[in-house]
Each structure stands twice: as C-alpha cells, then as structure tokens.
Amino acid sequence: MRHRMLRNKIGSYGSHSRMLLRNQMRELVEHKSIVTTVTKAKVVQRMFDKLMTKAVKAAKTSNKSESVALRRQINYYLLSRRLTNKLVDEIAKSTKKTSGFTRIVKMGMRRGDAAEMALLQIIESD
C-alpha cells in the first residue's frame, strides 16, 4: 500500500521513471520548453530548479575545481557534456535569478486520454 507516500508515481518502476525525468530535463535544456502532463511537469520543475541552482553556482564561481565538480554533478543528470556546457555557459550565465527558473503554463486536456497538459518553460532573464 502507498499510504503517506509523498512522491508522485511516474512510470512503472524506479529506473524507468528516473530515465523519463532525465530525458525530459535534457529536452528542456535543449529546447528551453517542453509539453508534458502537469504531474510530470511539476516533478521535472522541482528537479530542474535544483540542477539550475548548481549551474548558476558553477557559472559564478572562480574556483576551477569547484566548477568542475558542479559540472560533473550536472552531467550525472543530463548525460551529455554538450548539454551541461549549454546549461552552465549559456543559460545559467545569463540569469540573474536565484530561484524560480521555470514556469508551468496549463494548456488544457489531451485529446486521446484527457490528461491535463502543461507547457514547462525556462524563464529567460532580460
């Protein structure tokens, strides 16, 4: 029984849901917005904000070894050095925020199964 379980159940088992969320974070970094269900968007938003906090810290630090360590932690989730560099060098350097890096815009229901859909976007700093 799942009494008092706080985590959203996404996917069928642990490694499947982990890879699903990693793939969605990769797509979010690459395209800066994704369309997904509201439940998945909330979980990805929570994970991405933690990742983005590390990226901002890596972009702002002058200590080379700390920057490399943070980039390796980010690369653990994104599984791509190209996306890690894009996140740290392009997206994190241009932001002036300390939190709230993404927004969820609800888009209505999906036609096939009436799942509530949402647009998850990275908020651009101007």
Protein backbone atom coordinates (compact mmCIF):
# COMPACT_ATOMS: atom_id res chain seq x y z
CA MET A 1 0.00 0.00 0.00
CA ARG A 2 1.15 3.53 -0.75
CA HIS A 3 -0.04 5.19 2.46
CA ARG A 4 1.71 8.50 3.19
CA MET A 5 3.97 8.29 0.13
CA LEU A 6 4.75 11.84 -0.96
CA ARG A 7 6.49 11.11 -4.26
CA ASN A 8 4.49 11.18 -7.49
CA LYS A 9 4.46 7.78 -9.18
CA ILE A 10 5.67 8.34 -12.73
CA GLY A 11 6.45 5.38 -14.93
CA SER A 12 6.21 1.77 -13.93
CA TYR A 13 9.37 1.28 -11.86
CA GLY A 14 12.25 3.29 -10.42
CA SER A 15 14.81 3.23 -13.20
CA HIS A 16 12.14 3.86 -15.84
CA SER A 17 10.83 6.95 -14.08
CA ARG A 18 14.39 8.19 -13.45
CA MET A 19 15.28 7.95 -17.14
CA LEU A 20 11.97 9.51 -18.16
CA LEU A 21 12.69 12.54 -15.96
CA ARG A 22 16.31 12.75 -17.18
CA ASN A 23 15.13 12.72 -20.79
CA GLN A 24 12.61 15.45 -20.08
CA MET A 25 15.29 17.58 -18.39
CA ARG A 26 17.57 17.04 -21.41
CA GLU A 27 14.79 18.19 -23.76
CA LEU A 28 14.10 21.20 -21.54
CA VAL A 29 17.76 22.30 -21.69
CA GLU A 30 17.97 21.69 -25.43
CA HIS A 31 14.69 23.34 -26.50
CA LYS A 32 14.01 25.63 -23.48
CA SER A 33 10.39 24.43 -23.32
CA ILE A 34 8.56 21.11 -23.38
CA VAL A 35 4.93 19.99 -23.49
CA THR A 36 4.10 17.26 -20.98
CA THR A 37 1.49 16.31 -18.41
CA VAL A 38 1.04 18.55 -15.38
CA THR A 39 2.23 15.86 -12.95
CA LYS A 40 5.43 15.22 -14.90
CA ALA A 41 5.98 18.97 -15.32
CA LYS A 42 5.83 19.51 -11.55
CA VAL A 43 8.38 16.76 -10.88
CA VAL A 44 10.70 17.94 -13.68
CA GLN A 45 10.39 21.54 -12.45
CA ARG A 46 11.46 20.54 -8.95
CA MET A 47 14.47 18.57 -10.26
CA PHE A 48 15.45 21.20 -12.84
CA ASP A 49 15.44 24.04 -10.30
CA LYS A 50 17.91 22.10 -8.14
CA LEU A 51 20.07 21.45 -11.21
CA MET A 52 19.88 25.09 -12.27
CA THR A 53 20.99 26.23 -8.81
CA LYS A 54 24.14 24.13 -9.24
CA ALA A 55 24.64 25.54 -12.74
CA VAL A 56 24.39 29.14 -11.51
CA LYS A 57 26.89 28.36 -8.75
CA ALA A 58 29.25 26.76 -11.31
CA ALA A 59 28.94 29.76 -13.63
CA LYS A 60 29.61 32.32 -10.90
CA THR A 61 32.48 30.59 -9.07
CA SER A 62 36.08 31.47 -9.78
CA ASN A 63 37.40 28.25 -8.23
CA LYS A 64 38.16 25.88 -11.12
CA SER A 65 37.92 22.65 -9.11
CA GLU A 66 34.54 23.64 -7.63
CA SER A 67 33.24 24.47 -11.10
CA VAL A 68 34.40 21.10 -12.46
CA ALA A 69 32.81 19.25 -9.53
CA LEU A 70 29.49 21.04 -10.06
CA ARG A 71 29.60 20.37 -13.81
CA ARG A 72 30.13 16.66 -13.09
CA GLN A 73 27.10 16.64 -10.79
CA ILE A 74 25.03 18.30 -13.52
CA ASN A 75 26.38 15.89 -16.14
CA TYR A 76 25.18 12.97 -13.98
CA TYR A 77 21.59 14.03 -14.72
CA LEU A 78 21.92 15.34 -18.27
CA LEU A 79 24.24 12.56 -19.54
CA SER A 80 25.72 14.91 -22.14
CA ARG A 81 28.70 17.21 -21.86
CA ARG A 82 27.29 19.41 -24.64
CA LEU A 83 24.05 20.00 -22.72
CA THR A 84 25.95 20.52 -19.47
CA ASN A 85 28.08 23.22 -21.10
CA LYS A 86 25.00 24.81 -22.66
CA LEU A 87 23.25 24.90 -19.28
CA VAL A 88 26.20 26.38 -17.40
CA ASP A 89 27.74 28.65 -20.05
CA GLU A 90 24.65 29.98 -21.83
CA ILE A 91 21.55 29.63 -19.67
CA ALA A 92 22.99 29.99 -16.15
CA LYS A 93 25.39 32.82 -17.01
CA SER A 94 22.61 34.95 -18.46
CA THR A 95 20.27 34.61 -15.48
CA LYS A 96 20.16 36.98 -12.55
CA LYS A 97 17.70 34.88 -10.55
CA THR A 98 18.45 32.73 -7.53
CA SER A 99 15.34 30.56 -7.79
CA GLY A 100 12.18 30.10 -9.86
CA PHE A 101 13.92 29.32 -13.14
CA THR A 102 10.92 27.64 -14.78
CA ARG A 103 7.21 28.22 -15.21
CA ILE A 104 4.31 25.86 -15.85
CA VAL A 105 1.53 27.04 -18.17
CA LYS A 106 -1.52 24.78 -18.22
CA MET A 107 -2.75 24.03 -21.74
CA GLY A 108 -5.94 22.03 -21.29
CA MET A 109 -6.69 18.38 -21.83
CA ARG A 110 -5.05 15.92 -24.22
CA ARG A 111 -7.47 14.61 -26.80
CA GLY A 112 -6.63 10.92 -26.55
CA ASP A 113 -6.95 10.27 -22.82
CA ALA A 114 -7.99 13.64 -21.32
CA ALA A 115 -4.74 14.00 -19.38
CA GLU A 116 -4.11 17.59 -18.28
CA MET A 117 -1.24 19.01 -20.35
CA ALA A 118 1.21 21.77 -19.48
CA LEU A 119 3.98 23.78 -21.10
CA LEU A 120 7.16 23.83 -18.99
CA GLN A 121 9.43 26.76 -19.90
CA ILE A 122 12.76 28.13 -18.77
CA ILE A 123 12.23 31.77 -17.81
CA GLU A 124 14.61 33.98 -19.80
CA SER A 125 16.26 36.88 -17.94
CA ASP A 126 16.38 40.10 -19.89
